[in-house]
Amino acid sequence: MNIDHRIAAGLLLKEVPEKHMKEIYFQANGKSIFLSSITEEKLVSEDKFDMFQHWIEETVINLPSYEILLEVLETEGDVV
């Protein structure tokens, strides 16, 4: 899987213990935008499938180009 290094540099994984979740954000130029979340319950599946890796890959694969992400950040991003 190839990913633009500028996108990879802007990805941020946050633990949200009070919600029992993990969240992925993209941040650049002093702004941040929420991309995806997954519950700890979904991460602990009974089969041998690695849900954490699958979740990360699905999130990254479905991202638009770096330039589009910057446009979205400009209009909808939260200041960090």
PDB file of N, CA and C in Angstrom:
ATOM      1  N   MET A   1       0.848  -1.176   0.000  1.00  0.00           N
ATOM      2  CA  MET A   1       0.000   0.000   0.000  1.00  0.00           C
ATOM      3  C   MET A   1       0.895   1.241   0.000  1.00  0.00           C
ATOM      4  N   ASN A   2       0.659   2.127  -0.930  1.00  0.00           N
ATOM      5  CA  ASN A   2       1.399   3.387  -0.991  1.00  0.00           C
ATOM      6  C   ASN A   2       0.540   4.515  -0.446  1.00  0.00           C
ATOM      7  N   ILE A   3       1.180   5.408   0.289  1.00  0.00           N
ATOM      8  CA  ILE A   3       0.484   6.563   0.837  1.00  0.00           C
ATOM      9  C   ILE A   3       1.396   7.776   0.689  1.00  0.00           C
ATOM     10  N   ASP A   4       0.809   8.882   0.332  1.00  0.00           N
ATOM     11  CA  ASP A   4       1.551  10.135   0.222  1.00  0.00           C
ATOM     12  C   ASP A   4       2.203  10.429   1.577  1.00  0.00           C
ATOM     13  N   HIS A   5       3.505  10.649   1.582  1.00  0.00           N
ATOM     14  CA  HIS A   5       4.216  10.874   2.847  1.00  0.00           C
ATOM     15  C   HIS A   5       3.695  12.098   3.587  1.00  0.00           C
ATOM     16  N   ARG A   6       3.135  13.068   2.880  1.00  0.00           N
ATOM     17  CA  ARG A   6       2.573  14.260   3.541  1.00  0.00           C
ATOM     18  C   ARG A   6       1.301  13.898   4.305  1.00  0.00           C
ATOM     19  N   ILE A   7       0.516  12.977   3.753  1.00  0.00           N
ATOM     20  CA  ILE A   7      -0.673  12.511   4.469  1.00  0.00           C
ATOM     21  C   ILE A   7      -0.247  11.693   5.682  1.00  0.00           C
ATOM     22  N   ALA A   8       0.690  10.773   5.470  1.00  0.00           N
ATOM     23  CA  ALA A   8       1.171   9.935   6.580  1.00  0.00           C
ATOM     24  C   ALA A   8       1.691  10.788   7.729  1.00  0.00           C
ATOM     25  N   ALA A   9       2.398  11.862   7.411  1.00  0.00           N
ATOM     26  CA  ALA A   9       2.952  12.737   8.446  1.00  0.00           C
ATOM     27  C   ALA A   9       1.860  13.459   9.231  1.00  0.00           C
ATOM     28  N   GLY A  10       0.693  13.643   8.609  1.00  0.00           N
ATOM     29  CA  GLY A  10      -0.392  14.373   9.258  1.00  0.00           C
ATOM     30  C   GLY A  10      -1.388  13.511  10.008  1.00  0.00           C
ATOM     31  N   LEU A  11      -1.260  12.194   9.920  1.00  0.00           N
ATOM     32  CA  LEU A  11      -2.198  11.320  10.615  1.00  0.00           C
ATOM     33  C   LEU A  11      -1.892  11.255  12.102  1.00  0.00           C
ATOM     34  N   LEU A  12      -2.940  11.301  12.897  1.00  0.00           N
ATOM     35  CA  LEU A  12      -2.804  11.274  14.355  1.00  0.00           C
ATOM     36  C   LEU A  12      -3.788  10.265  14.922  1.00  0.00           C
ATOM     37  N   LEU A  13      -3.283   9.314  15.686  1.00  0.00           N
ATOM     38  CA  LEU A  13      -4.117   8.311  16.341  1.00  0.00           C
ATOM     39  C   LEU A  13      -4.321   8.745  17.787  1.00  0.00           C
ATOM     40  N   LYS A  14      -5.591   8.860  18.195  1.00  0.00           N
ATOM     41  CA  LYS A  14      -5.911   9.264  19.568  1.00  0.00           C
ATOM     42  C   LYS A  14      -6.667   8.151  20.269  1.00  0.00           C
ATOM     43  N   GLU A  15      -6.295   7.913  21.516  1.00  0.00           N
ATOM     44  CA  GLU A  15      -7.037   7.002  22.382  1.00  0.00           C
ATOM     45  C   GLU A  15      -8.098   7.848  23.092  1.00  0.00           C
ATOM     46  N   VAL A  16      -9.314   7.339  23.156  1.00  0.00           N
ATOM     47  CA  VAL A  16     -10.397   8.024  23.862  1.00  0.00           C
ATOM     48  C   VAL A  16     -10.944   7.038  24.901  1.00  0.00           C
ATOM     49  N   PRO A  17     -10.248   6.945  26.059  1.00  0.00           N
ATOM     50  CA  PRO A  17     -10.593   5.919  27.045  1.00  0.00           C
ATOM     51  C   PRO A  17     -12.022   6.029  27.581  1.00  0.00           C
ATOM     52  N   GLU A  18     -12.525   7.242  27.761  1.00  0.00           N
ATOM     53  CA  GLU A  18     -13.873   7.401  28.315  1.00  0.00           C
ATOM     54  C   GLU A  18     -14.961   6.883  27.374  1.00  0.00           C
ATOM     55  N   LYS A  19     -14.646   6.802  26.080  1.00  0.00           N
ATOM     56  CA  LYS A  19     -15.591   6.261  25.102  1.00  0.00           C
ATOM     57  C   LYS A  19     -15.192   4.851  24.641  1.00  0.00           C
ATOM     58  N   HIS A  20     -14.073   4.358  25.161  1.00  0.00           N
ATOM     59  CA  HIS A  20     -13.542   3.052  24.757  1.00  0.00           C
ATOM     60  C   HIS A  20     -13.368   2.986  23.242  1.00  0.00           C
ATOM     61  N   MET A  21     -12.711   4.010  22.710  1.00  0.00           N
ATOM     62  CA  MET A  21     -12.525   4.128  21.263  1.00  0.00           C
ATOM     63  C   MET A  21     -11.119   4.578  20.921  1.00  0.00           C
ATOM     64  N   LYS A  22     -10.796   4.388  19.648  1.00  0.00           N
ATOM     65  CA  LYS A  22      -9.610   4.981  19.043  1.00  0.00           C
ATOM     66  C   LYS A  22     -10.116   5.834  17.887  1.00  0.00           C
ATOM     67  N   GLU A  23      -9.465   6.963  17.652  1.00  0.00           N
ATOM     68  CA  GLU A  23      -9.865   7.877  16.588  1.00  0.00           C
ATOM     69  C   GLU A  23      -8.654   8.271  15.754  1.00  0.00           C
ATOM     70  N   ILE A  24      -8.889   8.500  14.476  1.00  0.00           N
ATOM     71  CA  ILE A  24      -7.835   8.968  13.575  1.00  0.00           C
ATOM     72  C   ILE A  24      -8.214  10.361  13.095  1.00  0.00           C
ATOM     73  N   TYR A  25      -7.243  11.263  13.167  1.00  0.00           N
ATOM     74  CA  TYR A  25      -7.397  12.631  12.690  1.00  0.00           C
ATOM     75  C   TYR A  25      -6.315  12.920  11.657  1.00  0.00           C
ATOM     76  N   PHE A  26      -6.578  13.904  10.820  1.00  0.00           N
ATOM     77  CA  PHE A  26      -5.553  14.441   9.943  1.00  0.00           C
ATOM     78  C   PHE A  26      -5.327  15.866  10.379  1.00  0.00           C
ATOM     79  N   GLN A  27      -4.062  16.239  10.563  1.00  0.00           N
ATOM     80  CA  GLN A  27      -3.784  17.609  10.948  1.00  0.00           C
ATOM     81  C   GLN A  27      -2.628  18.174  10.140  1.00  0.00           C
ATOM     82  N   ALA A  28      -2.777  19.458   9.818  1.00  0.00           N
ATOM     83  CA  ALA A  28      -1.758  20.199   9.072  1.00  0.00           C
ATOM     84  C   ALA A  28      -2.106  21.676   9.180  1.00  0.00           C
ATOM     85  N   ASN A  29      -1.116  22.494   9.059  1.00  0.00           N
ATOM     86  CA  ASN A  29      -1.310  23.945   9.055  1.00  0.00           C
ATOM     87  C   ASN A  29      -2.106  24.447  10.258  1.00  0.00           C
ATOM     88  N   GLY A  30      -1.902  23.807  11.400  1.00  0.00           N
ATOM     89  CA  GLY A  30      -2.550  24.258  12.634  1.00  0.00           C
ATOM     90  C   GLY A  30      -4.018  23.889  12.768  1.00  0.00           C
ATOM     91  N   LYS A  31      -4.513  23.012  11.885  1.00  0.00           N
ATOM     92  CA  LYS A  31      -5.903  22.573  11.960  1.00  0.00           C
ATOM     93  C   LYS A  31      -5.968  21.054  11.953  1.00  0.00           C
ATOM     94  N   SER A  32      -7.108  20.542  12.408  1.00  0.00           N
ATOM     95  CA  SER A  32      -7.303  19.102  12.503  1.00  0.00           C
ATOM     96  C   SER A  32      -8.713  18.755  12.049  1.00  0.00           C
ATOM     97  N   ILE A  33      -8.859  17.567  11.455  1.00  0.00           N
ATOM     98  CA  ILE A  33     -10.176  17.080  11.059  1.00  0.00           C
ATOM     99  C   ILE A  33     -10.277  15.596  11.401  1.00  0.00           C
ATOM    100  N   PHE A  34     -11.424  15.226  11.945  1.00  0.00           N
ATOM    101  CA  PHE A  34     -11.700  13.843  12.302  1.00  0.00           C
ATOM    102  C   PHE A  34     -11.879  13.008  11.040  1.00  0.00           C
ATOM    103  N   LEU A  35     -11.269  11.815  11.016  1.00  0.00           N
ATOM    104  CA  LEU A  35     -11.400  10.924   9.859  1.00  0.00           C
ATOM    105  C   LEU A  35     -12.198   9.668  10.170  1.00  0.00           C
ATOM    106  N   SER A  36     -11.914   9.029  11.300  1.00  0.00           N
ATOM    107  CA  SER A  36     -12.522   7.727  11.555  1.00  0.00           C
ATOM    108  C   SER A  36     -12.367   7.354  13.023  1.00  0.00           C
ATOM    109  N   SER A  37     -13.235   6.431  13.474  1.00  0.00           N
ATOM    110  CA  SER A  37     -13.097   5.901  14.831  1.00  0.00           C
ATOM    111  C   SER A  37     -13.484   4.428  14.831  1.00  0.00           C
ATOM    112  N   ILE A  38     -13.038   3.738  15.873  1.00  0.00           N
ATOM    113  CA  ILE A  38     -13.392   2.328  16.060  1.00  0.00           C
ATOM    114  C   ILE A  38     -13.467   2.063  17.556  1.00  0.00           C
ATOM    115  N   THR A  39     -14.432   1.250  17.940  1.00  0.00           N
ATOM    116  CA  THR A  39     -14.575   0.912  19.355  1.00  0.00           C
ATOM    117  C   THR A  39     -13.605  -0.205  19.721  1.00  0.00           C
ATOM    118  N   GLU A  40     -13.261  -0.248  20.989  1.00  0.00           N
ATOM    119  CA  GLU A  40     -12.399  -1.321  21.471  1.00  0.00           C
ATOM    120  C   GLU A  40     -13.080  -2.673  21.286  1.00  0.00           C
ATOM    121  N   GLU A  41     -14.403  -2.683  21.380  1.00  0.00           N
ATOM    122  CA  GLU A  41     -15.160  -3.924  21.192  1.00  0.00           C
ATOM    123  C   GLU A  41     -14.945  -4.495  19.793  1.00  0.00           C
ATOM    124  N   LYS A  42     -14.941  -3.632  18.787  1.00  0.00           N
ATOM    125  CA  LYS A  42     -14.712  -4.098  17.421  1.00  0.00           C
ATOM    126  C   LYS A  42     -13.271  -4.548  17.215  1.00  0.00           C
ATOM    127  N   LEU A  43     -12.347  -3.925  17.938  1.00  0.00           N
ATOM    128  CA  LEU A  43     -10.945  -4.304  17.803  1.00  0.00           C
ATOM    129  C   LEU A  43     -10.673  -5.694  18.359  1.00  0.00           C
ATOM    130  N   VAL A  44     -11.440  -6.087  19.347  1.00  0.00           N
ATOM    131  CA  VAL A  44     -11.239  -7.391  19.984  1.00  0.00           C
ATOM    132  C   VAL A  44     -12.265  -8.359  19.409  1.00  0.00           C
ATOM    133  N   SER A  45     -12.008  -8.795  18.211  1.00  0.00           N
ATOM    134  CA  SER A  45     -12.916  -9.750  17.581  1.00  0.00           C
ATOM    135  C   SER A  45     -12.459 -11.158  17.906  1.00  0.00           C
ATOM    136  N   GLU A  46     -13.378 -12.087  17.819  1.00  0.00           N
ATOM    137  CA  GLU A  46     -13.070 -13.465  18.186  1.00  0.00           C
ATOM    138  C   GLU A  46     -12.261 -14.199  17.122  1.00  0.00           C
ATOM    139  N   ASP A  47     -12.341 -13.731  15.881  1.00  0.00           N
ATOM    140  CA  ASP A  47     -11.558 -14.402  14.848  1.00  0.00           C
ATOM    141  C   ASP A  47     -10.123 -13.880  14.842  1.00  0.00           C
ATOM    142  N   LYS A  48      -9.342 -14.403  13.957  1.00  0.00           N
ATOM    143  CA  LYS A  48      -7.922 -14.047  13.928  1.00  0.00           C
ATOM    144  C   LYS A  48      -7.631 -12.818  13.071  1.00  0.00           C
ATOM    145  N   PHE A  49      -8.680 -12.211  12.524  1.00  0.00           N
ATOM    146  CA  PHE A  49      -8.526 -11.054  11.648  1.00  0.00           C
ATOM    147  C   PHE A  49      -8.042  -9.847  12.443  1.00  0.00           C
ATOM    148  N   ASP A  50      -7.045  -9.147  11.935  1.00  0.00           N
ATOM    149  CA  ASP A  50      -6.485  -7.983  12.610  1.00  0.00           C
ATOM    150  C   ASP A  50      -7.330  -6.742  12.279  1.00  0.00           C
ATOM    151  N   MET A  51      -8.311  -6.465  13.125  1.00  0.00           N
ATOM    152  CA  MET A  51      -9.224  -5.344  12.881  1.00  0.00           C
ATOM    153  C   MET A  51      -8.513  -3.993  12.952  1.00  0.00           C
ATOM    154  N   PHE A  52      -7.505  -3.864  13.804  1.00  0.00           N
ATOM    155  CA  PHE A  52      -6.789  -2.601  13.914  1.00  0.00           C
ATOM    156  C   PHE A  52      -6.123  -2.264  12.583  1.00  0.00           C
ATOM    157  N   GLN A  53      -5.406  -3.203  12.010  1.00  0.00           N
ATOM    158  CA  GLN A  53      -4.746  -2.978  10.729  1.00  0.00           C
ATOM    159  C   GLN A  53      -5.782  -2.728   9.631  1.00  0.00           C
ATOM    160  N   HIS A  54      -6.840  -3.496   9.629  1.00  0.00           N
ATOM    161  CA  HIS A  54      -7.893  -3.332   8.625  1.00  0.00           C
ATOM    162  C   HIS A  54      -8.512  -1.933   8.718  1.00  0.00           C
ATOM    163  N   TRP A  55      -8.798  -1.487   9.921  1.00  0.00           N
ATOM    164  CA  TRP A  55      -9.383  -0.157  10.145  1.00  0.00           C
ATOM    165  C   TRP A  55      -8.445   0.934   9.630  1.00  0.00           C
ATOM    166  N   ILE A  56      -7.168   0.844   9.967  1.00  0.00           N
ATOM    167  CA  ILE A  56      -6.185   1.829   9.501  1.00  0.00           C
ATOM    168  C   ILE A  56      -6.121   1.831   7.974  1.00  0.00           C
ATOM    169  N   GLU A  57      -6.012   0.654   7.385  1.00  0.00           N
ATOM    170  CA  GLU A  57      -5.916   0.563   5.927  1.00  0.00           C
ATOM    171  C   GLU A  57      -7.161   1.114   5.247  1.00  0.00           C
ATOM    172  N   GLU A  58      -8.341   0.768   5.737  1.00  0.00           N
ATOM    173  CA  GLU A  58      -9.582   1.267   5.141  1.00  0.00           C
ATOM    174  C   GLU A  58      -9.667   2.788   5.240  1.00  0.00           C
ATOM    175  N   THR A  59      -9.250   3.327   6.350  1.00  0.00           N
ATOM    176  CA  THR A  59      -9.277   4.783   6.528  1.00  0.00           C
ATOM    177  C   THR A  59      -8.343   5.455   5.534  1.00  0.00           C
ATOM    178  N   VAL A  60      -7.132   4.955   5.426  1.00  0.00           N
ATOM    179  CA  VAL A  60      -6.116   5.572   4.572  1.00  0.00           C
ATOM    180  C   VAL A  60      -6.447   5.393   3.087  1.00  0.00           C
ATOM    181  N   ILE A  61      -6.895   4.215   2.714  1.00  0.00           N
ATOM    182  CA  ILE A  61      -7.211   3.946   1.308  1.00  0.00           C
ATOM    183  C   ILE A  61      -8.299   4.889   0.799  1.00  0.00           C
ATOM    184  N   ASN A  62      -9.244   5.213   1.650  1.00  0.00           N
ATOM    185  CA  ASN A  62     -10.387   6.024   1.234  1.00  0.00           C
ATOM    186  C   ASN A  62     -10.155   7.532   1.339  1.00  0.00           C
ATOM    187  N   LEU A  63      -8.956   7.949   1.678  1.00  0.00           N
ATOM    188  CA  LEU A  63      -8.679   9.384   1.782  1.00  0.00           C
ATOM    189  C   LEU A  63      -8.516  10.008   0.401  1.00  0.00           C
ATOM    190  N   PRO A  64      -8.934  11.261   0.277  1.00  0.00           N
ATOM    191  CA  PRO A  64      -8.673  11.978  -0.979  1.00  0.00           C
ATOM    192  C   PRO A  64      -7.203  12.383  -1.055  1.00  0.00           C
ATOM    193  N   SER A  65      -6.838  13.084  -2.095  1.00  0.00           N
ATOM    194  CA  SER A  65      -5.451  13.546  -2.244  1.00  0.00           C
ATOM    195  C   SER A  65      -5.083  14.535  -1.129  1.00  0.00           C
ATOM    196  N   TYR A  66      -3.808  14.748  -0.962  1.00  0.00           N
ATOM    197  CA  TYR A  66      -3.311  15.690   0.041  1.00  0.00           C
ATOM    198  C   TYR A  66      -3.890  17.083  -0.195  1.00  0.00           C
ATOM    199  N   GLU A  67      -3.948  17.497  -1.433  1.00  0.00           N
ATOM    200  CA  GLU A  67      -4.454  18.827  -1.762  1.00  0.00           C
ATOM    201  C   GLU A  67      -5.920  18.979  -1.361  1.00  0.00           C
ATOM    202  N   ILE A  68      -6.708  17.950  -1.600  1.00  0.00           N
ATOM    203  CA  ILE A  68      -8.129  17.978  -1.213  1.00  0.00           C
ATOM    204  C   ILE A  68      -8.251  17.997   0.309  1.00  0.00           C
ATOM    205  N   LEU A  69      -7.440  17.207   0.997  1.00  0.00           N
ATOM    206  CA  LEU A  69      -7.459  17.222   2.462  1.00  0.00           C
ATOM    207  C   LEU A  69      -7.158  18.617   2.999  1.00  0.00           C
ATOM    208  N   LEU A  70      -6.211  19.313   2.389  1.00  0.00           N
ATOM    209  CA  LEU A  70      -5.896  20.669   2.834  1.00  0.00           C
ATOM    210  C   LEU A  70      -7.079  21.614   2.611  1.00  0.00           C
ATOM    211  N   GLU A  71      -7.784  21.447   1.496  1.00  0.00           N
ATOM    212  CA  GLU A  71      -8.968  22.276   1.245  1.00  0.00           C
ATOM    213  C   GLU A  71     -10.048  22.030   2.296  1.00  0.00           C
ATOM    214  N   VAL A  72     -10.257  20.764   2.625  1.00  0.00           N
ATOM    215  CA  VAL A  72     -11.249  20.403   3.655  1.00  0.00           C
ATOM    216  C   VAL A  72     -10.825  20.991   4.999  1.00  0.00           C
ATOM    217  N   LEU A  73      -9.546  20.875   5.323  1.00  0.00           N
ATOM    218  CA  LEU A  73      -9.049  21.447   6.579  1.00  0.00           C
ATOM    219  C   LEU A  73      -9.310  22.945   6.648  1.00  0.00           C
ATOM    220  N   GLU A  74      -9.078  23.630   5.550  1.00  0.00           N
ATOM    221  CA  GLU A  74      -9.263  25.075   5.518  1.00  0.00           C
ATOM    222  C   GLU A  74     -10.694  25.470   5.821  1.00  0.00           C
ATOM    223  N   THR A  75     -11.640  24.724   5.277  1.00  0.00           N
ATOM    224  CA  THR A  75     -13.052  25.102   5.446  1.00  0.00           C
ATOM    225  C   THR A  75     -13.712  24.468   6.656  1.00  0.00           C
ATOM    226  N   GLU A  76     -13.301  23.260   7.034  1.00  0.00           N
ATOM    227  CA  GLU A  76     -14.011  22.531   8.089  1.00  0.00           C
ATOM    228  C   GLU A  76     -13.149  22.126   9.270  1.00  0.00           C
ATOM    229  N   GLY A  77     -11.851  22.340   9.191  1.00  0.00           N
ATOM    230  CA  GLY A  77     -10.954  21.876  10.254  1.00  0.00           C
ATOM    231  C   GLY A  77     -11.083  22.687  11.524  1.00  0.00           C
ATOM    232  N   ASP A  78     -10.776  22.025  12.642  1.00  0.00           N
ATOM    233  CA  ASP A  78     -10.736  22.683  13.950  1.00  0.00           C
ATOM    234  C   ASP A  78      -9.314  23.130  14.240  1.00  0.00           C
ATOM    235  N   VAL A  79      -9.176  24.293  14.817  1.00  0.00           N
ATOM    236  CA  VAL A  79      -7.858  24.804  15.185  1.00  0.00           C
ATOM    237  C   VAL A  79      -7.310  23.964  16.324  1.00  0.00           C
ATOM    238  N   VAL A  80      -6.023  23.566  16.173  1.00  0.00           N
ATOM    239  CA  VAL A  80      -5.377  22.767  17.229  1.00  0.00           C
ATOM    240  C   VAL A  80      -4.380  23.599  17.989  1.00  0.00           C
TER     241      VAL A  80
END
